[in-house]
Protein backbone atom coordinates (compact mmCIF):
# COMPACT_ATOMS: atom_id res chain seq x y z
CA UNK A 1 0.00 0.00 0.00
CA UNK A 2 1.19 3.50 -0.79
CA UNK A 3 2.01 5.95 2.00
CA UNK A 4 -0.89 8.30 2.63
CA UNK A 5 0.96 11.39 1.34
CA UNK A 6 1.85 9.68 -1.93
CA UNK A 7 -1.68 8.35 -2.29
CA UNK A 8 -3.10 11.84 -1.72
CA UNK A 9 -0.65 13.29 -4.25
CA UNK A 10 -1.59 10.71 -6.89
CA UNK A 11 -5.30 11.28 -6.39
CA UNK A 12 -4.76 15.05 -6.58
CA UNK A 13 -2.68 14.73 -9.75
CA UNK A 14 -5.27 12.51 -11.41
CA UNK A 15 -8.05 14.91 -10.44
CA UNK A 16 -6.09 17.89 -11.80
CA UNK A 17 -5.44 16.04 -15.07
CA UNK A 18 -9.13 15.22 -15.43
CA UNK A 19 -10.04 18.86 -14.82
CA UNK A 20 -7.54 19.97 -17.46
CA UNK A 21 -8.98 17.55 -20.02
CA UNK A 22 -12.53 18.55 -19.14
CA UNK A 23 -11.58 22.20 -19.42
CA UNK A 24 -10.51 21.70 -23.01
CA UNK A 25 -13.89 20.24 -23.87
CA UNK A 26 -16.00 22.81 -22.04
CA UNK A 27 -14.49 26.01 -23.43
CA UNK A 28 -16.56 27.68 -26.12
CA UNK A 29 -14.96 27.38 -29.57
CA UNK A 30 -14.56 31.12 -30.06
CA UNK A 31 -11.61 30.95 -32.46
CA UNK A 32 -13.12 28.16 -34.52
CA UNK A 33 -16.38 30.09 -34.92
CA UNK A 34 -14.51 33.21 -35.97
CA UNK A 35 -12.38 31.28 -38.46
CA UNK A 36 -15.47 29.71 -40.01
CA UNK A 37 -17.25 33.06 -40.37
CA UNK A 38 -14.19 34.65 -41.95
CA UNK A 39 -13.68 31.77 -44.37
CA UNK A 40 -17.32 31.98 -45.48
CA UNK A 41 -17.05 35.74 -45.96
CA UNK A 42 -13.90 35.40 -48.08
CA UNK A 43 -15.47 32.61 -50.14
CA UNK A 44 -18.55 34.74 -50.80
CA UNK A 45 -16.38 37.69 -51.82
CA UNK A 46 -14.48 35.43 -54.24
CA UNK A 47 -17.72 34.46 -55.98
CA UNK A 48 -18.42 31.11 -54.35
CA UNK A 49 -22.16 31.69 -54.61
CA UNK A 50 -21.73 31.45 -58.38
CA UNK A 51 -18.83 29.00 -58.74
CA UNK A 52 -19.24 26.69 -55.75
CA UNK A 53 -22.79 27.12 -54.51
CA UNK A 54 -23.08 23.62 -53.04
CA UNK A 55 -19.89 23.86 -50.98
CA UNK A 56 -20.79 27.36 -49.83
CA UNK A 57 -24.28 26.23 -48.86
CA UNK A 58 -22.83 23.34 -46.87
CA UNK A 59 -20.41 25.71 -45.12
CA UNK A 60 -23.26 28.01 -44.13
CA UNK A 61 -25.28 25.02 -42.91
CA UNK A 62 -22.40 23.79 -40.75
CA UNK A 63 -21.97 27.29 -39.33
CA UNK A 64 -25.67 27.50 -38.48
CA UNK A 65 -25.44 24.10 -36.80
CA UNK A 66 -22.38 25.27 -34.85
CA UNK A 67 -24.21 28.40 -33.72
CA UNK A 68 -27.16 26.32 -32.56
CA UNK A 69 -24.87 23.93 -30.68
CA UNK A 70 -23.08 26.89 -29.13
CA UNK A 71 -26.38 28.30 -27.88
CA UNK A 72 -27.09 24.94 -26.23
CA UNK A 73 -23.57 24.85 -24.72
CA UNK A 74 -22.71 21.77 -26.75
CA UNK A 75 -19.18 22.99 -27.29
CA UNK A 76 -17.69 19.81 -28.74
CA UNK A 77 -20.37 19.68 -31.44
CA UNK A 78 -20.07 23.43 -32.04
CA UNK A 79 -16.30 23.08 -32.48
CA UNK A 80 -16.68 20.15 -34.87
CA UNK A 81 -19.30 21.91 -36.98
CA UNK A 82 -17.33 25.16 -37.05
CA UNK A 83 -14.29 23.27 -38.33
CA UNK A 84 -16.46 21.62 -40.98
CA UNK A 85 -17.86 25.02 -41.97
CA UNK A 86 -14.36 26.42 -42.39
CA UNK A 87 -13.27 23.40 -44.41
CA UNK A 88 -16.25 23.63 -46.77
CA UNK A 89 -15.78 27.40 -47.13
CA UNK A 90 -12.13 26.87 -48.08
CA UNK A 91 -13.19 24.28 -50.65
CA UNK A 92 -15.67 26.77 -52.07
CA UNK A 93 -12.96 29.43 -52.14
CA UNK A 94 -10.59 27.11 -53.99
CA UNK A 95 -13.24 26.45 -56.62
CA UNK A 96 -13.95 30.17 -56.94
CA UNK A 97 -10.36 31.34 -57.27
CA UNK A 98 -8.94 31.29 -60.77
CA UNK A 99 -5.97 29.03 -61.39
CA UNK A 100 -2.84 31.12 -60.91
CA UNK A 101 -1.01 29.34 -63.75
CA UNK A 102 -3.75 30.28 -66.21
CA UNK A 103 -3.25 33.97 -65.37
CA UNK A 104 0.47 33.92 -66.21
PDB file of N, CA and C in Angstrom:
ATOM      1  N   UNK A   1       0.843  -1.185   0.000  1.00  0.00           N
ATOM      2  CA  UNK A   1       0.000   0.000   0.000  1.00  0.00           C
ATOM      3  C   UNK A   1       0.884   1.243   0.000  1.00  0.00           C
ATOM      4  N   UNK A   2       0.436   2.269  -0.696  1.00  0.00           N
ATOM      5  CA  UNK A   2       1.191   3.504  -0.793  1.00  0.00           C
ATOM      6  C   UNK A   2       1.070   4.310   0.490  1.00  0.00           C
ATOM      7  N   UNK A   3       2.120   5.038   0.851  1.00  0.00           N
ATOM      8  CA  UNK A   3       2.008   5.950   1.998  1.00  0.00           C
ATOM      9  C   UNK A   3       0.889   6.956   1.727  1.00  0.00           C
ATOM     10  N   UNK A   4       0.278   7.435   2.778  1.00  0.00           N
ATOM     11  CA  UNK A   4      -0.894   8.300   2.628  1.00  0.00           C
ATOM     12  C   UNK A   4      -0.579   9.587   1.875  1.00  0.00           C
ATOM     13  N   UNK A   5       0.599  10.165   2.055  1.00  0.00           N
ATOM     14  CA  UNK A   5       0.956  11.393   1.336  1.00  0.00           C
ATOM     15  C   UNK A   5       1.071  11.125  -0.166  1.00  0.00           C
ATOM     16  N   UNK A   6       1.708  10.025  -0.512  1.00  0.00           N
ATOM     17  CA  UNK A   6       1.849   9.681  -1.928  1.00  0.00           C
ATOM     18  C   UNK A   6       0.493   9.371  -2.546  1.00  0.00           C
ATOM     19  N   UNK A   7      -0.340   8.667  -1.822  1.00  0.00           N
ATOM     20  CA  UNK A   7      -1.679   8.353  -2.291  1.00  0.00           C
ATOM     21  C   UNK A   7      -2.483   9.634  -2.513  1.00  0.00           C
ATOM     22  N   UNK A   8      -2.403  10.561  -1.588  1.00  0.00           N
ATOM     23  CA  UNK A   8      -3.104  11.842  -1.722  1.00  0.00           C
ATOM     24  C   UNK A   8      -2.581  12.601  -2.940  1.00  0.00           C
ATOM     25  N   UNK A   9      -1.250  12.604  -3.110  1.00  0.00           N
ATOM     26  CA  UNK A   9      -0.647  13.288  -4.245  1.00  0.00           C
ATOM     27  C   UNK A   9      -1.124  12.682  -5.563  1.00  0.00           C
ATOM     28  N   UNK A  10      -1.142  11.375  -5.663  1.00  0.00           N
ATOM     29  CA  UNK A  10      -1.586  10.705  -6.893  1.00  0.00           C
ATOM     30  C   UNK A  10      -3.040  11.015  -7.199  1.00  0.00           C
ATOM     31  N   UNK A  11      -3.881  10.958  -6.180  1.00  0.00           N
ATOM     32  CA  UNK A  11      -5.299  11.285  -6.394  1.00  0.00           C
ATOM     33  C   UNK A  11      -5.454  12.732  -6.826  1.00  0.00           C
ATOM     34  N   UNK A  12      -4.691  13.629  -6.213  1.00  0.00           N
ATOM     35  CA  UNK A  12      -4.763  15.046  -6.584  1.00  0.00           C
ATOM     36  C   UNK A  12      -4.281  15.260  -8.010  1.00  0.00           C
ATOM     37  N   UNK A  13      -3.217  14.597  -8.393  1.00  0.00           N
ATOM     38  CA  UNK A  13      -2.681  14.731  -9.752  1.00  0.00           C
ATOM     39  C   UNK A  13      -3.672  14.204 -10.780  1.00  0.00           C
ATOM     40  N   UNK A  14      -4.277  13.079 -10.491  1.00  0.00           N
ATOM     41  CA  UNK A  14      -5.271  12.510 -11.412  1.00  0.00           C
ATOM     42  C   UNK A  14      -6.474  13.442 -11.535  1.00  0.00           C
ATOM     43  N   UNK A  15      -6.920  13.982 -10.424  1.00  0.00           N
ATOM     44  CA  UNK A  15      -8.050  14.907 -10.439  1.00  0.00           C
ATOM     45  C   UNK A  15      -7.710  16.157 -11.247  1.00  0.00           C
ATOM     46  N   UNK A  16      -6.516  16.694 -11.054  1.00  0.00           N
ATOM     47  CA  UNK A  16      -6.091  17.888 -11.795  1.00  0.00           C
ATOM     48  C   UNK A  16      -6.021  17.591 -13.289  1.00  0.00           C
ATOM     49  N   UNK A  17      -5.524  16.413 -13.654  1.00  0.00           N
ATOM     50  CA  UNK A  17      -5.444  16.040 -15.068  1.00  0.00           C
ATOM     51  C   UNK A  17      -6.837  15.918 -15.676  1.00  0.00           C
ATOM     52  N   UNK A  18      -7.752  15.346 -14.933  1.00  0.00           N
ATOM     53  CA  UNK A  18      -9.127  15.222 -15.434  1.00  0.00           C
ATOM     54  C   UNK A  18      -9.769  16.594 -15.613  1.00  0.00           C
ATOM     55  N   UNK A  19      -9.506  17.498 -14.693  1.00  0.00           N
ATOM     56  CA  UNK A  19     -10.039  18.858 -14.824  1.00  0.00           C
ATOM     57  C   UNK A  19      -9.459  19.554 -16.051  1.00  0.00           C
ATOM     58  N   UNK A  20      -8.177  19.354 -16.296  1.00  0.00           N
ATOM     59  CA  UNK A  20      -7.542  19.969 -17.457  1.00  0.00           C
ATOM     60  C   UNK A  20      -8.155  19.445 -18.752  1.00  0.00           C
ATOM     61  N   UNK A  21      -8.368  18.146 -18.825  1.00  0.00           N
ATOM     62  CA  UNK A  21      -8.981  17.554 -20.019  1.00  0.00           C
ATOM     63  C   UNK A  21     -10.418  18.036 -20.163  1.00  0.00           C
ATOM     64  N   UNK A  22     -11.137  18.077 -19.082  1.00  0.00           N
ATOM     65  CA  UNK A  22     -12.530  18.549 -19.137  1.00  0.00           C
ATOM     66  C   UNK A  22     -12.575  20.010 -19.526  1.00  0.00           C
ATOM     67  N   UNK A  23     -11.626  20.785 -19.078  1.00  0.00           N
ATOM     68  CA  UNK A  23     -11.584  22.199 -19.416  1.00  0.00           C
ATOM     69  C   UNK A  23     -11.427  22.422 -20.901  1.00  0.00           C
ATOM     70  N   UNK A  24     -10.682  21.580 -21.554  1.00  0.00           N
ATOM     71  CA  UNK A  24     -10.508  21.698 -23.005  1.00  0.00           C
ATOM     72  C   UNK A  24     -11.822  21.457 -23.732  1.00  0.00           C
ATOM     73  N   UNK A  25     -12.636  20.586 -23.214  1.00  0.00           N
ATOM     74  CA  UNK A  25     -13.891  20.237 -23.871  1.00  0.00           C
ATOM     75  C   UNK A  25     -15.019  21.207 -23.534  1.00  0.00           C
ATOM     76  N   UNK A  26     -14.887  21.960 -22.455  1.00  0.00           N
ATOM     77  CA  UNK A  26     -16.004  22.808 -22.042  1.00  0.00           C
ATOM     78  C   UNK A  26     -15.812  24.265 -22.415  1.00  0.00           C
ATOM     79  N   UNK A  27     -14.706  24.619 -23.014  1.00  0.00           N
ATOM     80  CA  UNK A  27     -14.491  26.008 -23.425  1.00  0.00           C
ATOM     81  C   UNK A  27     -15.217  26.251 -24.745  1.00  0.00           C
ATOM     82  N   UNK A  28     -15.894  27.371 -24.861  1.00  0.00           N
ATOM     83  CA  UNK A  28     -16.563  27.684 -26.125  1.00  0.00           C
ATOM     84  C   UNK A  28     -15.545  27.804 -27.262  1.00  0.00           C
ATOM     85  N   UNK A  29     -15.894  27.348 -28.443  1.00  0.00           N
ATOM     86  CA  UNK A  29     -14.964  27.379 -29.574  1.00  0.00           C
ATOM     87  C   UNK A  29     -14.947  28.742 -30.268  1.00  0.00           C
ATOM     88  N   UNK A  30     -14.522  29.748 -29.555  1.00  0.00           N
ATOM     89  CA  UNK A  30     -14.563  31.123 -30.056  1.00  0.00           C
ATOM     90  C   UNK A  30     -13.728  31.275 -31.330  1.00  0.00           C
ATOM     91  N   UNK A  31     -12.492  30.802 -31.293  1.00  0.00           N
ATOM     92  CA  UNK A  31     -11.611  30.953 -32.455  1.00  0.00           C
ATOM     93  C   UNK A  31     -12.128  30.175 -33.659  1.00  0.00           C
ATOM     94  N   UNK A  32     -12.614  28.978 -33.426  1.00  0.00           N
ATOM     95  CA  UNK A  32     -13.119  28.156 -34.524  1.00  0.00           C
ATOM     96  C   UNK A  32     -14.329  28.814 -35.191  1.00  0.00           C
ATOM     97  N   UNK A  33     -15.206  29.399 -34.375  1.00  0.00           N
ATOM     98  CA  UNK A  33     -16.382  30.086 -34.920  1.00  0.00           C
ATOM     99  C   UNK A  33     -15.954  31.290 -35.755  1.00  0.00           C
ATOM    100  N   UNK A  34     -15.007  32.042 -35.243  1.00  0.00           N
ATOM    101  CA  UNK A  34     -14.513  33.210 -35.971  1.00  0.00           C
ATOM    102  C   UNK A  34     -13.858  32.807 -37.285  1.00  0.00           C
ATOM    103  N   UNK A  35     -13.036  31.765 -37.240  1.00  0.00           N
ATOM    104  CA  UNK A  35     -12.381  31.280 -38.458  1.00  0.00           C
ATOM    105  C   UNK A  35     -13.402  30.857 -39.507  1.00  0.00           C
ATOM    106  N   UNK A  36     -14.438  30.171 -39.080  1.00  0.00           N
ATOM    107  CA  UNK A  36     -15.471  29.706 -40.012  1.00  0.00           C
ATOM    108  C   UNK A  36     -16.196  30.893 -40.645  1.00  0.00           C
ATOM    109  N   UNK A  37     -16.549  31.871 -39.834  1.00  0.00           N
ATOM    110  CA  UNK A  37     -17.249  33.056 -40.373  1.00  0.00           C
ATOM    111  C   UNK A  37     -16.375  33.784 -41.382  1.00  0.00           C
ATOM    112  N   UNK A  38     -15.102  33.948 -41.047  1.00  0.00           N
ATOM    113  CA  UNK A  38     -14.190  34.652 -41.951  1.00  0.00           C
ATOM    114  C   UNK A  38     -14.000  33.882 -43.253  1.00  0.00           C
ATOM    115  N   UNK A  39     -13.867  32.574 -43.162  1.00  0.00           N
ATOM    116  CA  UNK A  39     -13.684  31.767 -44.371  1.00  0.00           C
ATOM    117  C   UNK A  39     -14.905  31.862 -45.276  1.00  0.00           C
ATOM    118  N   UNK A  40     -16.084  31.859 -44.685  1.00  0.00           N
ATOM    119  CA  UNK A  40     -17.318  31.980 -45.476  1.00  0.00           C
ATOM    120  C   UNK A  40     -17.389  33.350 -46.138  1.00  0.00           C
ATOM    121  N   UNK A  41     -17.044  34.382 -45.405  1.00  0.00           N
ATOM    122  CA  UNK A  41     -17.051  35.736 -45.961  1.00  0.00           C
ATOM    123  C   UNK A  41     -16.102  35.854 -47.143  1.00  0.00           C
ATOM    124  N   UNK A  42     -14.893  35.332 -46.995  1.00  0.00           N
ATOM    125  CA  UNK A  42     -13.903  35.396 -48.076  1.00  0.00           C
ATOM    126  C   UNK A  42     -14.383  34.593 -49.287  1.00  0.00           C
ATOM    127  N   UNK A  43     -14.957  33.424 -49.035  1.00  0.00           N
ATOM    128  CA  UNK A  43     -15.466  32.609 -50.144  1.00  0.00           C
ATOM    129  C   UNK A  43     -16.579  33.341 -50.884  1.00  0.00           C
ATOM    130  N   UNK A  44     -17.470  33.982 -50.155  1.00  0.00           N
ATOM    131  CA  UNK A  44     -18.549  34.738 -50.800  1.00  0.00           C
ATOM    132  C   UNK A  44     -17.983  35.869 -51.639  1.00  0.00           C
ATOM    133  N   UNK A  45     -16.990  36.579 -51.097  1.00  0.00           N
ATOM    134  CA  UNK A  45     -16.375  37.693 -51.817  1.00  0.00           C
ATOM    135  C   UNK A  45     -15.655  37.223 -53.079  1.00  0.00           C
ATOM    136  N   UNK A  46     -15.187  35.982 -53.078  1.00  0.00           N
ATOM    137  CA  UNK A  46     -14.484  35.432 -54.236  1.00  0.00           C
ATOM    138  C   UNK A  46     -15.447  34.872 -55.285  1.00  0.00           C
ATOM    139  N   UNK A  47     -16.743  34.922 -55.010  1.00  0.00           N
ATOM    140  CA  UNK A  47     -17.724  34.456 -55.983  1.00  0.00           C
ATOM    141  C   UNK A  47     -18.167  33.017 -55.798  1.00  0.00           C
ATOM    142  N   UNK A  48     -18.039  32.502 -54.601  1.00  0.00           N
ATOM    143  CA  UNK A  48     -18.418  31.107 -54.351  1.00  0.00           C
ATOM    144  C   UNK A  48     -19.907  30.863 -54.575  1.00  0.00           C
ATOM    145  N   UNK A  49     -20.723  31.878 -54.392  1.00  0.00           N
ATOM    146  CA  UNK A  49     -22.158  31.692 -54.614  1.00  0.00           C
ATOM    147  C   UNK A  49     -22.433  31.307 -56.063  1.00  0.00           C
ATOM    148  N   UNK A  50     -21.563  31.764 -56.955  1.00  0.00           N
ATOM    149  CA  UNK A  50     -21.729  31.451 -58.376  1.00  0.00           C
ATOM    150  C   UNK A  50     -20.949  30.199 -58.782  1.00  0.00           C
ATOM    151  N   UNK A  51     -19.721  30.064 -58.281  1.00  0.00           N
ATOM    152  CA  UNK A  51     -18.825  29.004 -58.740  1.00  0.00           C
ATOM    153  C   UNK A  51     -18.839  27.736 -57.893  1.00  0.00           C
ATOM    154  N   UNK A  52     -19.272  27.853 -56.651  1.00  0.00           N
ATOM    155  CA  UNK A  52     -19.236  26.688 -55.751  1.00  0.00           C
ATOM    156  C   UNK A  52     -20.406  26.767 -54.769  1.00  0.00           C
ATOM    157  N   UNK A  53     -21.593  26.904 -55.328  1.00  0.00           N
ATOM    158  CA  UNK A  53     -22.790  27.118 -54.512  1.00  0.00           C
ATOM    159  C   UNK A  53     -23.040  25.992 -53.516  1.00  0.00           C
ATOM    160  N   UNK A  54     -22.818  24.751 -53.934  1.00  0.00           N
ATOM    161  CA  UNK A  54     -23.075  23.619 -53.039  1.00  0.00           C
ATOM    162  C   UNK A  54     -22.146  23.637 -51.831  1.00  0.00           C
ATOM    163  N   UNK A  55     -20.846  23.831 -52.082  1.00  0.00           N
ATOM    164  CA  UNK A  55     -19.893  23.865 -50.977  1.00  0.00           C
ATOM    165  C   UNK A  55     -20.166  25.049 -50.052  1.00  0.00           C
ATOM    166  N   UNK A  56     -20.490  26.193 -50.637  1.00  0.00           N
ATOM    167  CA  UNK A  56     -20.792  27.363 -49.828  1.00  0.00           C
ATOM    168  C   UNK A  56     -22.042  27.129 -48.990  1.00  0.00           C
ATOM    169  N   UNK A  57     -23.050  26.533 -49.585  1.00  0.00           N
ATOM    170  CA  UNK A  57     -24.285  26.228 -48.856  1.00  0.00           C
ATOM    171  C   UNK A  57     -24.020  25.270 -47.699  1.00  0.00           C
ATOM    172  N   UNK A  58     -23.182  24.266 -47.946  1.00  0.00           N
ATOM    173  CA  UNK A  58     -22.832  23.343 -46.872  1.00  0.00           C
ATOM    174  C   UNK A  58     -22.068  24.048 -45.761  1.00  0.00           C
ATOM    175  N   UNK A  59     -21.174  24.956 -46.128  1.00  0.00           N
ATOM    176  CA  UNK A  59     -20.415  25.715 -45.124  1.00  0.00           C
ATOM    177  C   UNK A  59     -21.353  26.534 -44.248  1.00  0.00           C
ATOM    178  N   UNK A  60     -22.298  27.204 -44.877  1.00  0.00           N
ATOM    179  CA  UNK A  60     -23.265  28.012 -44.132  1.00  0.00           C
ATOM    180  C   UNK A  60     -24.113  27.119 -43.225  1.00  0.00           C
ATOM    181  N   UNK A  61     -24.505  25.959 -43.727  1.00  0.00           N
ATOM    182  CA  UNK A  61     -25.279  25.022 -42.913  1.00  0.00           C
ATOM    183  C   UNK A  61     -24.509  24.537 -41.698  1.00  0.00           C
ATOM    184  N   UNK A  62     -23.227  24.215 -41.891  1.00  0.00           N
ATOM    185  CA  UNK A  62     -22.404  23.792 -40.752  1.00  0.00           C
ATOM    186  C   UNK A  62     -22.256  24.927 -39.742  1.00  0.00           C
ATOM    187  N   UNK A  63     -22.101  26.155 -40.246  1.00  0.00           N
ATOM    188  CA  UNK A  63     -21.972  27.293 -39.334  1.00  0.00           C
ATOM    189  C   UNK A  63     -23.257  27.491 -38.534  1.00  0.00           C
ATOM    190  N   UNK A  64     -24.392  27.378 -39.191  1.00  0.00           N
ATOM    191  CA  UNK A  64     -25.668  27.499 -38.476  1.00  0.00           C
ATOM    192  C   UNK A  64     -25.812  26.405 -37.423  1.00  0.00           C
ATOM    193  N   UNK A  65     -25.405  25.200 -37.754  1.00  0.00           N
ATOM    194  CA  UNK A  65     -25.439  24.104 -36.800  1.00  0.00           C
ATOM    195  C   UNK A  65     -24.502  24.382 -35.621  1.00  0.00           C
ATOM    196  N   UNK A  66     -23.340  24.921 -35.915  1.00  0.00           N
ATOM    197  CA  UNK A  66     -22.382  25.268 -34.852  1.00  0.00           C
ATOM    198  C   UNK A  66     -22.952  26.341 -33.938  1.00  0.00           C
ATOM    199  N   UNK A  67     -23.611  27.334 -34.527  1.00  0.00           N
ATOM    200  CA  UNK A  67     -24.215  28.404 -33.719  1.00  0.00           C
ATOM    201  C   UNK A  67     -25.325  27.855 -32.822  1.00  0.00           C
ATOM    202  N   UNK A  68     -26.107  26.932 -33.359  1.00  0.00           N
ATOM    203  CA  UNK A  68     -27.163  26.317 -32.555  1.00  0.00           C
ATOM    204  C   UNK A  68     -26.551  25.498 -31.416  1.00  0.00           C
ATOM    205  N   UNK A  69     -25.537  24.730 -31.714  1.00  0.00           N
ATOM    206  CA  UNK A  69     -24.866  23.932 -30.675  1.00  0.00           C
ATOM    207  C   UNK A  69     -24.251  24.845 -29.618  1.00  0.00           C
ATOM    208  N   UNK A  70     -23.682  25.941 -30.063  1.00  0.00           N
ATOM    209  CA  UNK A  70     -23.085  26.894 -29.128  1.00  0.00           C
ATOM    210  C   UNK A  70     -24.142  27.459 -28.190  1.00  0.00           C
ATOM    211  N   UNK A  71     -25.309  27.756 -28.719  1.00  0.00           N
ATOM    212  CA  UNK A  71     -26.376  28.302 -27.879  1.00  0.00           C
ATOM    213  C   UNK A  71     -26.888  27.290 -26.861  1.00  0.00           C
ATOM    214  N   UNK A  72     -26.697  25.994 -27.167  1.00  0.00           N
ATOM    215  CA  UNK A  72     -27.094  24.938 -26.230  1.00  0.00           C
ATOM    216  C   UNK A  72     -25.924  24.464 -25.366  1.00  0.00           C
ATOM    217  N   UNK A  73     -24.796  25.173 -25.474  1.00  0.00           N
ATOM    218  CA  UNK A  73     -23.573  24.849 -24.723  1.00  0.00           C
ATOM    219  C   UNK A  73     -23.036  23.458 -25.048  1.00  0.00           C
ATOM    220  N   UNK A  74     -23.260  23.028 -26.255  1.00  0.00           N
ATOM    221  CA  UNK A  74     -22.713  21.766 -26.752  1.00  0.00           C
ATOM    222  C   UNK A  74     -21.429  22.114 -27.505  1.00  0.00           C
ATOM    223  N   UNK A  75     -20.393  22.416 -26.722  1.00  0.00           N
ATOM    224  CA  UNK A  75     -19.182  22.995 -27.287  1.00  0.00           C
ATOM    225  C   UNK A  75     -18.409  22.033 -28.192  1.00  0.00           C
ATOM    226  N   UNK A  76     -18.406  20.765 -27.884  1.00  0.00           N
ATOM    227  CA  UNK A  76     -17.691  19.814 -28.737  1.00  0.00           C
ATOM    228  C   UNK A  76     -18.341  19.755 -30.117  1.00  0.00           C
ATOM    229  N   UNK A  77     -19.666  19.708 -30.160  1.00  0.00           N
ATOM    230  CA  UNK A  77     -20.374  19.677 -31.445  1.00  0.00           C
ATOM    231  C   UNK A  77     -20.205  21.008 -32.175  1.00  0.00           C
ATOM    232  N   UNK A  78     -20.251  22.114 -31.426  1.00  0.00           N
ATOM    233  CA  UNK A  78     -20.068  23.430 -32.036  1.00  0.00           C
ATOM    234  C   UNK A  78     -18.684  23.537 -32.664  1.00  0.00           C
ATOM    235  N   UNK A  79     -17.667  23.048 -31.957  1.00  0.00           N
ATOM    236  CA  UNK A  79     -16.299  23.081 -32.478  1.00  0.00           C
ATOM    237  C   UNK A  79     -16.187  22.234 -33.751  1.00  0.00           C
ATOM    238  N   UNK A  80     -16.731  21.043 -33.709  1.00  0.00           N
ATOM    239  CA  UNK A  80     -16.677  20.145 -34.866  1.00  0.00           C
ATOM    240  C   UNK A  80     -17.372  20.774 -36.077  1.00  0.00           C
ATOM    241  N   UNK A  81     -18.558  21.322 -35.869  1.00  0.00           N
ATOM    242  CA  UNK A  81     -19.305  21.912 -36.982  1.00  0.00           C
ATOM    243  C   UNK A  81     -18.639  23.184 -37.503  1.00  0.00           C
ATOM    244  N   UNK A  82     -18.038  23.960 -36.613  1.00  0.00           N
ATOM    245  CA  UNK A  82     -17.327  25.165 -37.049  1.00  0.00           C
ATOM    246  C   UNK A  82     -16.124  24.788 -37.910  1.00  0.00           C
ATOM    247  N   UNK A  83     -15.422  23.740 -37.525  1.00  0.00           N
ATOM    248  CA  UNK A  83     -14.286  23.275 -38.325  1.00  0.00           C
ATOM    249  C   UNK A  83     -14.752  22.765 -39.688  1.00  0.00           C
ATOM    250  N   UNK A  84     -15.892  22.084 -39.709  1.00  0.00           N
ATOM    251  CA  UNK A  84     -16.456  21.619 -40.977  1.00  0.00           C
ATOM    252  C   UNK A  84     -16.872  22.807 -41.851  1.00  0.00           C
ATOM    253  N   UNK A  85     -17.448  23.825 -41.226  1.00  0.00           N
ATOM    254  CA  UNK A  85     -17.857  25.022 -41.967  1.00  0.00           C
ATOM    255  C   UNK A  85     -16.644  25.687 -42.603  1.00  0.00           C
ATOM    256  N   UNK A  86     -15.580  25.808 -41.854  1.00  0.00           N
ATOM    257  CA  UNK A  86     -14.362  26.421 -42.386  1.00  0.00           C
ATOM    258  C   UNK A  86     -13.820  25.587 -43.542  1.00  0.00           C
ATOM    259  N   UNK A  87     -13.785  24.290 -43.376  1.00  0.00           N
ATOM    260  CA  UNK A  87     -13.268  23.404 -44.413  1.00  0.00           C
ATOM    261  C   UNK A  87     -14.071  23.528 -45.703  1.00  0.00           C
ATOM    262  N   UNK A  88     -15.386  23.514 -45.583  1.00  0.00           N
ATOM    263  CA  UNK A  88     -16.247  23.635 -46.769  1.00  0.00           C
ATOM    264  C   UNK A  88     -16.099  25.013 -47.412  1.00  0.00           C
ATOM    265  N   UNK A  89     -15.957  26.043 -46.595  1.00  0.00           N
ATOM    266  CA  UNK A  89     -15.782  27.395 -47.130  1.00  0.00           C
ATOM    267  C   UNK A  89     -14.458  27.491 -47.892  1.00  0.00           C
ATOM    268  N   UNK A  90     -13.420  26.862 -47.379  1.00  0.00           N
ATOM    269  CA  UNK A  90     -12.132  26.873 -48.077  1.00  0.00           C
ATOM    270  C   UNK A  90     -12.200  26.090 -49.382  1.00  0.00           C
ATOM    271  N   UNK A  91     -12.983  25.004 -49.401  1.00  0.00           N
ATOM    272  CA  UNK A  91     -13.189  24.276 -50.649  1.00  0.00           C
ATOM    273  C   UNK A  91     -13.916  25.155 -51.658  1.00  0.00           C
ATOM    274  N   UNK A  92     -14.928  25.866 -51.192  1.00  0.00           N
ATOM    275  CA  UNK A  92     -15.674  26.773 -52.073  1.00  0.00           C
ATOM    276  C   UNK A  92     -14.761  27.875 -52.592  1.00  0.00           C
ATOM    277  N   UNK A  93     -13.904  28.387 -51.726  1.00  0.00           N
ATOM    278  CA  UNK A  93     -12.962  29.429 -52.136  1.00  0.00           C
ATOM    279  C   UNK A  93     -12.015  28.901 -53.208  1.00  0.00           C
ATOM    280  N   UNK A  94     -11.512  27.695 -53.015  1.00  0.00           N
ATOM    281  CA  UNK A  94     -10.587  27.109 -53.988  1.00  0.00           C
ATOM    282  C   UNK A  94     -11.258  26.949 -55.356  1.00  0.00           C
ATOM    283  N   UNK A  95     -12.519  26.595 -55.360  1.00  0.00           N
ATOM    284  CA  UNK A  95     -13.244  26.446 -56.622  1.00  0.00           C
ATOM    285  C   UNK A  95     -13.576  27.795 -57.261  1.00  0.00           C
ATOM    286  N   UNK A  96     -13.576  28.833 -56.472  1.00  0.00           N
ATOM    287  CA  UNK A  96     -13.950  30.167 -56.945  1.00  0.00           C
ATOM    288  C   UNK A  96     -12.752  31.007 -57.364  1.00  0.00           C
ATOM    289  N   UNK A  97     -11.562  30.579 -56.981  1.00  0.00           N
ATOM    290  CA  UNK A  97     -10.360  31.338 -57.271  1.00  0.00           C
ATOM    291  C   UNK A  97      -9.760  30.830 -58.571  1.00  0.00           C
ATOM    292  N   UNK A  98      -9.511  31.734 -59.500  1.00  0.00           N
ATOM    293  CA  UNK A  98      -8.940  31.291 -60.768  1.00  0.00           C
ATOM    294  C   UNK A  98      -7.559  30.649 -60.560  1.00  0.00           C
ATOM    295  N   UNK A  99      -7.262  29.705 -61.424  1.00  0.00           N
ATOM    296  CA  UNK A  99      -5.965  29.033 -61.387  1.00  0.00           C
ATOM    297  C   UNK A  99      -4.866  30.059 -61.661  1.00  0.00           C
ATOM    298  N   UNK A 100      -3.906  30.137 -60.770  1.00  0.00           N
ATOM    299  CA  UNK A 100      -2.839  31.118 -60.906  1.00  0.00           C
ATOM    300  C   UNK A 100      -1.983  30.876 -62.142  1.00  0.00           C
ATOM    301  N   UNK A 101      -1.814  29.625 -62.558  1.00  0.00           N
ATOM    302  CA  UNK A 101      -1.011  29.337 -63.753  1.00  0.00           C
ATOM    303  C   UNK A 101      -1.700  29.828 -65.014  1.00  0.00           C
ATOM    304  N   UNK A 102      -3.019  29.827 -65.038  1.00  0.00           N
ATOM    305  CA  UNK A 102      -3.753  30.283 -66.213  1.00  0.00           C
ATOM    306  C   UNK A 102      -3.615  31.789 -66.399  1.00  0.00           C
ATOM    307  N   UNK A 103      -3.386  32.508 -65.301  1.00  0.00           N
ATOM    308  CA  UNK A 103      -3.248  33.966 -65.371  1.00  0.00           C
ATOM    309  C   UNK A 103      -1.918  34.348 -66.001  1.00  0.00           C
ATOM    310  N   UNK A 104      -0.884  33.584 -65.744  1.00  0.00           N
ATOM    311  CA  UNK A 104       0.471  33.923 -66.215  1.00  0.00           C
ATOM    312  C   UNK A 104       0.638  33.711 -67.665  1.00  0.00           C
TER     313      UNK A 104
END
